[in-house]
Amino acid sequence: MELDHLVRLDRLAPALVEATGDDRWRDVSAELISGGKSNLTFTLRSAAGELILRRPPSGELLPTAHDMGREARVQRALAGTDVPVPRVVLTDGGDLIGVPCYVMAKVPGHVIRGELPAGYADTPADRRAMAWALADTLARLHAVDYEAVGLGDFGRPHGYMERQIRRWTGQWEKAKPADIPEITELAARLARKVPPQQRTAIVHGDFRIDNVVYSAKDPGRIDAVLDWEMSTLGDPLADLGLLMLYWREPGDDTISLIPSVSHLAGFPSRDELLARYAATAGVDVSEMGFYRAFAYFKFAVITQDVSNRSKAGAMGGQDFGDLDDEVRYLGARGLELI
């Protein structure tokens, strides 16, 4: 597939030379990394090595989505903390390739989607270590002093869940192909049931096992957290609710946009993962029914948007098929949880 219109290597190459000081980036190729459901991610290769380019999808975008500047900013801010993030090489507001984008270092290791690498984390001990690393990394993110790292204006500290429900309800109104009663009712119930916000933290917005890079040598170590598109300041339990959605158990229904290995033998349950986070972070998780229901609502809207963009050919050639039934399932499951 021809990708030049998406990455504009003729313009990007000189910028990479300037940013890295390495003339070998004048001869660069790009390859789309499949599996991304929102922003498009490319591996850039040259004799100098590999870098990663992030840019929005083509086509019409939902308001406030796909903000490359925010992604780069939060990663730069976290670079001096114990939350592992890739080094940002360059950012651009749209002059280089026609849309905002940024380039970051490629962190070696495993991005784990629908299956474990051959010979990796074969034992129950290794699989539990993977889970604990995920929970502990999320707790460390939520413990970062956002004022101290220069993110005091990265979002509004209070009223996060109320704004999120309004935002995603508005996104749903723009994205839905027709009225789906389950989603409409779930949005209404969420708006009536918002619990008090315990604390404010940097919220990742899409924290899951395939948005981190695991060490190739140690399954209990995460070397980078990726995909900061939806990061902001807010209620950290929203991140935890999403992690519960993504953490599949044996017997759970499959959601096609959520690759998983956590249902395999040896991985801990959702309740165990929740308990690990709660103990590490020192927080009350008694209202997780609400946050888990919100996660289903949010992911239903994201699924509908992915479906729309896939049908419109705006996903770099990736085809995710008909997702209407999954949107309805997500709404129904959210209603059960709340």
Protein backbone atom coordinates (compact mmCIF):
# COMPACT_ATOMS: atom_id res chain seq x y z
CA MET A 1 0.00 0.00 0.00
CA GLU A 2 1.25 3.48 -0.85
CA LEU A 3 1.77 5.42 2.38
CA ASP A 4 3.60 8.52 1.16
CA HIS A 5 0.46 10.71 1.32
CA LEU A 6 0.16 9.82 5.02
CA VAL A 7 3.76 10.35 6.09
CA ARG A 8 5.32 12.71 3.47
CA LEU A 9 8.81 11.28 3.74
CA ASP A 10 10.19 13.97 1.43
CA ARG A 11 9.46 16.52 4.14
CA LEU A 12 9.92 14.31 7.16
CA ALA A 13 13.41 13.07 6.26
CA PRO A 14 15.16 16.49 6.43
CA ALA A 15 13.39 17.23 9.71
CA LEU A 16 14.66 13.95 11.16
CA VAL A 17 18.20 14.80 10.08
CA GLU A 18 17.94 18.16 11.84
CA ALA A 19 16.35 16.71 15.00
CA THR A 20 18.83 13.82 15.37
CA GLY A 21 21.96 15.32 13.86
CA ASP A 22 22.32 12.11 11.84
CA ASP A 23 22.44 12.47 8.05
CA ARG A 24 21.46 8.82 7.56
CA TRP A 25 17.83 9.79 8.15
CA ARG A 26 17.74 11.37 4.66
CA ASP A 27 17.01 7.89 3.29
CA VAL A 28 14.01 6.71 5.34
CA SER A 29 11.12 4.29 4.81
CA ALA A 30 7.81 3.98 6.66
CA GLU A 31 5.68 0.98 7.59
CA LEU A 32 2.24 1.14 9.19
CA ILE A 33 2.02 -0.71 12.50
CA SER A 34 -1.29 -2.56 12.26
CA GLY A 35 -3.62 -2.88 15.23
CA GLY A 36 -4.01 0.81 16.06
CA LYS A 37 -7.66 1.76 16.37
CA SER A 38 -7.28 5.53 16.59
CA ASN A 39 -4.12 7.42 15.66
CA LEU A 40 -1.93 5.91 12.96
CA THR A 41 1.48 4.64 14.05
CA PHE A 42 4.40 4.04 11.68
CA THR A 43 7.85 2.54 12.06
CA LEU A 44 10.44 4.77 10.37
CA ARG A 45 13.59 2.95 9.25
CA SER A 46 16.97 4.11 8.03
CA ALA A 47 20.59 3.06 8.33
CA ALA A 48 20.55 4.98 11.62
CA GLY A 49 17.94 2.68 13.15
CA GLU A 50 14.21 2.89 13.84
CA LEU A 51 11.89 5.61 15.15
CA ILE A 52 8.12 5.77 15.63
CA LEU A 53 5.80 8.32 13.98
CA ARG A 54 2.35 9.10 15.37
CA ARG A 55 -0.28 11.01 13.38
CA PRO A 56 -4.10 11.27 13.31
CA PRO A 57 -6.16 9.10 10.97
CA SER A 58 -7.17 10.57 7.63
CA GLY A 59 -10.70 11.82 7.09
CA GLU A 60 -13.03 13.84 9.32
CA LEU A 61 -12.13 13.69 13.02
CA LEU A 62 -14.28 13.96 16.12
CA PRO A 63 -13.77 17.23 18.06
CA THR A 64 -10.89 17.23 20.61
CA ALA A 65 -9.68 13.79 19.45
CA HIS A 66 -6.25 12.81 18.11
CA ASP A 67 -4.28 15.64 19.77
CA MET A 68 -0.65 14.93 18.93
CA GLY A 69 0.64 17.90 20.89
CA ARG A 70 -0.85 16.58 24.13
CA GLU A 71 0.66 13.15 23.56
CA ALA A 72 4.13 14.57 23.09
CA ARG A 73 3.81 17.03 25.96
CA VAL A 74 2.86 14.48 28.60
CA GLN A 75 5.63 12.11 27.52
CA ARG A 76 8.20 14.88 27.79
CA ALA A 77 6.88 15.83 31.23
CA LEU A 78 7.04 12.25 32.51
CA ALA A 79 10.55 11.64 31.18
CA GLY A 80 12.10 12.47 34.56
CA THR A 81 9.73 10.33 36.64
CA ASP A 82 9.57 6.60 37.38
CA VAL A 83 6.82 6.22 34.76
CA PRO A 84 8.65 4.86 31.68
CA VAL A 85 7.91 6.72 28.43
CA PRO A 86 9.59 6.89 25.00
CA ARG A 87 11.86 9.86 24.29
CA VAL A 88 10.21 12.41 22.00
CA VAL A 89 12.48 13.27 19.04
CA LEU A 90 10.42 15.96 17.29
CA THR A 91 6.92 17.44 17.19
CA ASP A 92 5.18 19.36 14.43
CA GLY A 93 1.89 21.24 14.27
CA GLY A 94 1.07 20.29 10.68
CA ASP A 95 3.71 21.86 8.42
CA LEU A 96 5.69 18.65 7.84
CA ILE A 97 3.09 16.13 6.71
CA GLY A 98 -0.09 18.20 6.59
CA VAL A 99 -1.40 17.18 10.03
CA PRO A 100 0.04 17.45 13.55
CA CYS A 101 2.44 14.62 14.33
CA TYR A 102 5.38 13.64 16.46
CA VAL A 103 8.28 11.21 16.30
CA MET A 104 9.59 9.26 19.28
CA ALA A 105 12.28 6.72 20.00
CA LYS A 106 11.41 3.08 19.50
CA VAL A 107 11.63 1.25 22.83
CA PRO A 108 12.79 -2.37 22.43
CA GLY A 109 10.65 -5.08 23.96
CA HIS A 110 7.26 -6.70 23.48
CA VAL A 111 3.95 -4.98 22.72
CA ILE A 112 1.56 -7.79 23.56
CA ARG A 113 -1.77 -7.93 21.78
CA GLY A 114 -3.63 -11.15 21.00
CA GLU A 115 -0.94 -13.64 21.96
CA LEU A 116 2.24 -13.98 23.97
CA PRO A 117 5.55 -14.13 22.09
CA ALA A 118 6.88 -17.67 21.72
CA GLY A 119 8.64 -18.73 24.89
CA TYR A 120 7.70 -15.56 26.77
CA ALA A 121 5.99 -15.62 30.19
CA ASP A 122 5.29 -19.34 30.04
CA THR A 123 4.90 -19.81 33.79
CA PRO A 124 2.12 -18.67 36.16
CA ALA A 125 4.73 -16.72 38.13
CA ASP A 126 5.78 -14.76 35.04
CA ARG A 127 2.16 -14.08 34.08
CA ARG A 128 1.32 -12.78 37.53
CA ALA A 129 4.45 -10.63 37.36
CA MET A 130 3.17 -9.16 34.08
CA ALA A 131 -0.13 -8.27 35.74
CA TRP A 132 1.47 -6.76 38.83
CA ALA A 133 3.80 -4.66 36.66
CA LEU A 134 0.77 -3.29 34.83
CA ALA A 135 -1.12 -2.44 38.05
CA ASP A 136 1.95 -0.96 39.72
CA THR A 137 2.85 1.17 36.69
CA LEU A 138 -0.66 2.62 36.68
CA ALA A 139 -0.41 3.35 40.40
CA ARG A 140 2.95 5.08 39.86
CA LEU A 141 1.47 7.23 37.11
CA HIS A 142 -1.36 8.30 39.40
CA ALA A 143 1.15 9.15 42.14
CA VAL A 144 3.10 11.63 39.97
CA ASP A 145 2.96 15.23 41.23
CA TYR A 146 1.51 16.77 38.09
CA GLU A 147 2.28 20.31 39.24
CA ALA A 148 5.93 19.45 39.82
CA VAL A 149 6.37 18.02 36.29
CA GLY A 150 4.82 21.07 34.63
CA LEU A 151 1.34 19.67 33.93
CA GLY A 152 -0.65 21.85 36.30
CA ASP A 153 -2.60 23.24 33.34
CA PHE A 154 -2.99 19.89 31.55
CA GLY A 155 -6.65 19.66 32.54
CA ARG A 156 -9.20 20.80 35.10
CA PRO A 157 -8.67 19.01 38.42
CA HIS A 158 -12.30 18.75 39.51
CA GLY A 159 -15.53 17.53 37.92
CA TYR A 160 -13.71 15.13 35.62
CA MET A 161 -16.32 12.38 35.43
CA GLU A 162 -19.20 14.81 34.82
CA ARG A 163 -17.23 16.33 31.94
CA GLN A 164 -16.29 12.91 30.60
CA ILE A 165 -19.92 11.78 30.53
CA ARG A 166 -20.95 14.98 28.73
CA ARG A 167 -18.04 14.70 26.32
CA TRP A 168 -18.60 11.07 25.37
CA THR A 169 -22.35 11.58 25.16
CA GLY A 170 -21.67 14.39 22.70
CA GLN A 171 -19.25 12.19 20.77
CA TRP A 172 -21.91 9.50 20.66
CA GLU A 173 -24.44 11.92 19.19
CA LYS A 174 -21.98 12.71 16.42
CA ALA A 175 -20.84 9.13 15.78
CA LYS A 176 -23.97 6.99 16.15
CA PRO A 177 -25.52 5.67 12.91
CA ALA A 178 -28.93 5.33 14.61
CA ASP A 179 -30.34 5.40 18.11
CA ILE A 180 -29.14 2.45 20.20
CA PRO A 181 -31.28 2.45 23.37
CA GLU A 182 -28.68 0.65 25.50
CA ILE A 183 -26.14 3.43 24.99
CA THR A 184 -28.66 6.22 25.50
CA GLU A 185 -29.88 4.67 28.77
CA LEU A 186 -26.36 3.98 30.00
CA ALA A 187 -25.35 7.62 29.42
CA ALA A 188 -28.40 8.81 31.37
CA ARG A 189 -27.74 6.49 34.32
CA LEU A 190 -24.07 7.45 34.48
CA ALA A 191 -24.96 11.15 34.57
CA ARG A 192 -27.24 10.53 37.57
CA LYS A 193 -24.77 8.46 39.58
CA VAL A 194 -21.36 10.19 39.57
CA PRO A 195 -19.49 9.41 42.82
CA PRO A 196 -17.34 12.04 44.56
CA GLN A 197 -13.83 12.33 43.12
CA GLN A 198 -11.32 11.10 45.70
CA ARG A 199 -8.24 12.74 44.17
CA THR A 200 -6.81 14.25 41.00
CA ALA A 201 -4.01 12.65 39.00
CA ILE A 202 -2.60 12.38 35.49
CA VAL A 203 -5.07 10.10 33.73
CA HIS A 204 -3.77 8.05 30.80
CA GLY A 205 -7.21 7.50 29.27
CA ASP A 206 -6.53 4.14 27.58
CA PHE A 207 -4.29 2.14 29.91
CA ARG A 208 -4.11 -1.51 28.84
CA ILE A 209 -1.68 -4.35 28.27
CA ASP A 210 -1.10 -3.57 24.57
CA ASN A 211 -0.33 0.08 25.30
CA VAL A 212 2.86 -0.74 27.19
CA VAL A 213 6.20 -2.23 26.18
CA TYR A 214 7.27 -5.21 28.29
CA SER A 215 10.95 -5.98 28.74
CA ALA A 216 11.99 -8.83 26.47
CA LYS A 217 14.08 -10.28 29.31
CA ASP A 218 11.83 -9.66 32.32
CA PRO A 219 8.03 -10.09 32.10
CA GLY A 220 7.75 -8.25 35.39
CA ARG A 221 9.14 -5.00 33.96
CA ILE A 222 7.47 -2.41 31.75
CA ASP A 223 9.91 -0.24 29.78
CA ALA A 224 7.45 2.22 28.22
CA VAL A 225 3.84 3.35 28.41
CA LEU A 226 2.44 4.26 24.98
CA ASP A 227 -0.61 5.96 23.42
CA TRP A 228 -1.19 9.09 25.49
CA GLU A 229 -3.85 10.46 23.13
CA MET A 230 -6.55 10.81 25.80
CA SER A 231 -4.35 11.81 28.73
CA THR A 232 -5.38 14.70 30.97
CA LEU A 233 -5.86 15.56 34.64
CA GLY A 234 -8.80 13.88 36.28
CA ASP A 235 -10.14 10.99 38.33
CA PRO A 236 -7.60 8.14 38.27
CA LEU A 237 -10.29 5.54 38.94
CA ALA A 238 -11.45 6.09 35.35
CA ASP A 239 -8.17 4.50 34.23
CA LEU A 240 -8.75 1.60 36.59
CA GLY A 241 -12.28 1.07 35.28
CA LEU A 242 -10.96 0.84 31.73
CA LEU A 243 -8.25 -1.60 32.79
CA MET A 244 -10.99 -3.82 34.25
CA LEU A 245 -12.79 -3.73 30.89
CA TYR A 246 -9.63 -4.66 29.02
CA TRP A 247 -8.64 -7.41 31.48
CA ARG A 248 -10.47 -10.41 30.06
CA GLU A 249 -11.14 -13.51 32.18
CA PRO A 250 -11.79 -17.11 31.05
CA GLY A 251 -15.36 -17.38 29.76
CA ASP A 252 -15.76 -13.66 29.00
CA ASP A 253 -17.26 -12.68 25.66
CA THR A 254 -14.67 -11.62 23.10
CA ILE A 255 -14.59 -7.96 22.05
CA SER A 256 -12.83 -7.77 18.70
CA LEU A 257 -11.14 -4.40 19.30
CA ILE A 258 -9.65 -5.59 22.60
CA PRO A 259 -6.81 -8.06 22.04
CA SER A 260 -6.15 -10.05 25.17
CA VAL A 261 -3.93 -12.63 26.79
CA SER A 262 -5.17 -12.15 30.36
CA HIS A 263 -7.72 -14.96 30.00
CA LEU A 264 -4.91 -17.49 29.59
CA ALA A 265 -4.04 -19.84 32.45
CA GLY A 266 -1.79 -18.29 35.07
CA PHE A 267 -2.97 -14.68 34.83
CA PRO A 268 -4.74 -13.28 37.92
CA SER A 269 -8.42 -12.34 37.91
CA ARG A 270 -9.84 -8.82 37.62
CA ASP A 271 -10.53 -8.80 41.36
CA GLU A 272 -6.91 -9.70 42.11
CA LEU A 273 -5.64 -7.01 39.73
CA LEU A 274 -7.99 -4.50 41.34
CA ALA A 275 -6.77 -5.47 44.81
CA ARG A 276 -3.15 -5.09 43.73
CA TYR A 277 -3.75 -1.56 42.44
CA ALA A 278 -5.77 -0.59 45.52
CA ALA A 279 -3.02 -1.79 47.85
CA THR A 280 -0.24 -0.08 45.88
CA ALA A 281 -2.13 3.19 45.38
CA GLY A 282 -3.80 3.20 48.81
CA VAL A 283 -7.27 4.12 47.51
CA ASP A 284 -10.89 3.13 48.08
CA VAL A 285 -12.25 1.12 45.13
CA SER A 286 -15.76 0.48 46.46
CA GLU A 287 -17.37 2.51 43.64
CA MET A 288 -15.78 0.52 40.82
CA GLY A 289 -19.18 -0.52 39.45
CA PHE A 290 -19.69 3.05 38.24
CA TYR A 291 -16.20 3.36 36.75
CA ARG A 292 -16.46 0.00 35.02
CA ALA A 293 -19.85 0.95 33.56
CA PHE A 294 -18.38 4.22 32.30
CA ALA A 295 -15.56 2.24 30.67
CA TYR A 296 -18.11 0.22 28.69
CA PHE A 297 -19.88 3.42 27.65
CA LYS A 298 -16.67 5.14 26.56
CA PHE A 299 -15.45 2.10 24.67
CA ALA A 300 -18.81 1.75 22.92
CA VAL A 301 -18.42 5.28 21.55
CA ILE A 302 -14.82 4.58 20.53
CA THR A 303 -15.93 1.36 18.82
CA GLN A 304 -18.60 3.19 16.87
CA ASP A 305 -16.09 5.84 15.77
CA VAL A 306 -13.60 3.17 14.68
CA SER A 307 -16.37 1.45 12.71
CA ASN A 308 -17.30 4.70 10.99
CA ARG A 309 -13.71 5.56 10.09
CA SER A 310 -12.97 2.02 8.93
CA LYS A 311 -15.97 2.09 6.59
CA ALA A 312 -14.82 5.49 5.29
CA GLY A 313 -11.33 4.17 4.52
CA ALA A 314 -9.64 6.47 7.02
CA MET A 315 -7.65 3.83 8.91
CA GLY A 316 -4.63 3.40 6.62
CA GLY A 317 -6.22 0.44 4.85
CA GLN A 318 -7.20 -1.43 8.03
CA ASP A 319 -10.72 -2.93 7.95
CA PHE A 320 -12.38 -3.67 11.29
CA GLY A 321 -15.65 -4.97 9.85
CA ASP A 322 -19.18 -4.43 11.16
CA LEU A 323 -19.05 -3.53 14.86
CA ASP A 324 -22.72 -2.63 15.47
CA ASP A 325 -23.45 -5.74 17.56
CA GLU A 326 -20.42 -5.06 19.73
CA VAL A 327 -21.61 -1.51 20.42
CA ARG A 328 -24.95 -2.89 21.62
CA TYR A 329 -23.21 -5.53 23.76
CA LEU A 330 -21.01 -2.90 25.40
CA GLY A 331 -24.06 -0.82 26.26
CA ALA A 332 -25.91 -3.79 27.74
CA ARG A 333 -22.91 -4.84 29.82
CA GLY A 334 -22.48 -1.33 31.14
CA LEU A 335 -26.11 -1.28 32.26
CA GLU A 336 -25.56 -4.52 34.17
CA LEU A 337 -22.56 -3.05 36.00
CA ILE A 338 -24.24 0.18 37.06
